Every structure is written in C-alpha cells, then in structure tokens.
Amino acid sequence: MEIVALSVLYWIAVGIMLLVGLIKLIFGKRTEQNQNPGLKLVIASVIMFVIGGGACALILSGLGSMH
C-alpha cells in the first residue's frame, strides 16, 4: 500500500514541476527575463515522467517481483 502513496506523491511532484516550469517559461518570455530555470524544470519533469512511467509499467506488469 505504501508504494501507491509514494507513487501518487511522485506524480504530484512531476506535475507541479511541469506546471511551474511552463509558467516560468511563459512569463519569462513575456517579461524578457532569463528562461533557463523554467526550461531546466520542464526538462527535468519530462525526464522524471519517462522514468516514472517506465517504473509504473514494470511494477504493473509484474516483472519487478521475484516470485
């Protein structure tokens, strides 16, 4: 059951990082500020999304268990 709670927290963190990164990119472009922090957040959240999706697929397929 604790894996479900950790998984939910992980996906919430990925979503928040993606939203904050996109907001920083959009408002940075409007105000002509540096866009590197927003871009780094978006890239990190996409990498986390891919890794998390692969981990979830592995857990749900049953290949991760050594029964």
Protein backbone atom coordinates (compact mmCIF):
# COMPACT_ATOMS: atom_id res chain seq x y z
CA MET A 1 0.00 0.00 0.00
CA GLU A 2 2.91 2.35 0.69
CA ILE A 3 4.04 2.02 -2.93
CA VAL A 4 0.74 3.55 -4.03
CA ALA A 5 1.16 6.53 -1.71
CA LEU A 6 4.73 7.10 -2.89
CA SER A 7 3.65 6.78 -6.50
CA VAL A 8 0.92 9.38 -6.03
CA LEU A 9 3.37 11.76 -4.37
CA TYR A 10 5.85 11.21 -7.21
CA TRP A 11 3.30 12.03 -9.90
CA ILE A 12 2.12 15.10 -7.98
CA ALA A 13 5.72 16.32 -7.79
CA VAL A 14 6.19 15.73 -11.53
CA GLY A 15 3.00 17.65 -12.31
CA ILE A 16 3.94 20.57 -10.08
CA MET A 17 7.43 20.77 -11.59
CA LEU A 18 5.99 20.75 -15.10
CA LEU A 19 3.44 23.45 -14.31
CA VAL A 20 5.97 25.70 -12.57
CA GLY A 21 8.44 25.25 -15.43
CA LEU A 22 5.82 26.10 -18.05
CA ILE A 23 4.66 29.15 -16.09
CA LYS A 24 8.25 30.36 -15.75
CA LEU A 25 8.80 29.88 -19.48
CA ILE A 26 5.63 31.74 -20.44
CA PHE A 27 6.08 34.66 -18.05
CA GLY A 28 9.81 34.82 -18.71
CA LYS A 29 9.13 35.23 -22.41
CA ARG A 30 6.59 38.00 -21.66
CA THR A 31 8.88 39.98 -19.39
CA GLU A 32 12.11 39.24 -21.31
CA GLN A 33 13.69 37.54 -18.29
CA ASN A 34 16.08 34.60 -18.27
CA GLN A 35 14.23 31.43 -19.30
CA ASN A 36 16.88 28.88 -18.26
CA PRO A 37 15.34 27.96 -14.86
CA GLY A 38 11.94 27.30 -16.45
CA LEU A 39 13.48 25.28 -19.24
CA LYS A 40 15.51 23.21 -16.77
CA LEU A 41 12.37 22.45 -14.75
CA VAL A 42 10.47 21.35 -17.86
CA ILE A 43 13.34 19.10 -18.99
CA ALA A 44 13.70 17.57 -15.51
CA SER A 45 9.97 16.91 -15.24
CA VAL A 46 9.87 15.25 -18.67
CA ILE A 47 12.78 13.00 -17.68
CA MET A 48 11.02 12.17 -14.40
CA PHE A 49 7.82 11.46 -16.35
CA VAL A 50 9.58 8.98 -18.63
CA ILE A 51 11.39 7.23 -15.77
CA GLY A 52 8.26 7.12 -13.61
CA GLY A 53 6.17 5.79 -16.47
CA GLY A 54 8.68 3.01 -17.06
CA ALA A 55 8.77 2.14 -13.37
CA CYS A 56 4.98 2.02 -13.18
CA ALA A 57 4.82 -0.19 -16.25
CA LEU A 58 7.40 -2.52 -14.71
CA ILE A 59 5.52 -2.71 -11.41
CA LEU A 60 2.15 -3.26 -13.09
CA SER A 61 3.47 -5.93 -15.45
CA GLY A 62 4.77 -7.98 -12.55
CA LEU A 63 8.31 -8.22 -13.87
CA GLY A 64 9.64 -6.32 -10.88
CA SER A 65 8.64 -9.04 -8.42
CA MET A 66 10.92 -12.02 -7.89
CA HIS A 67 8.31 -14.65 -7.04
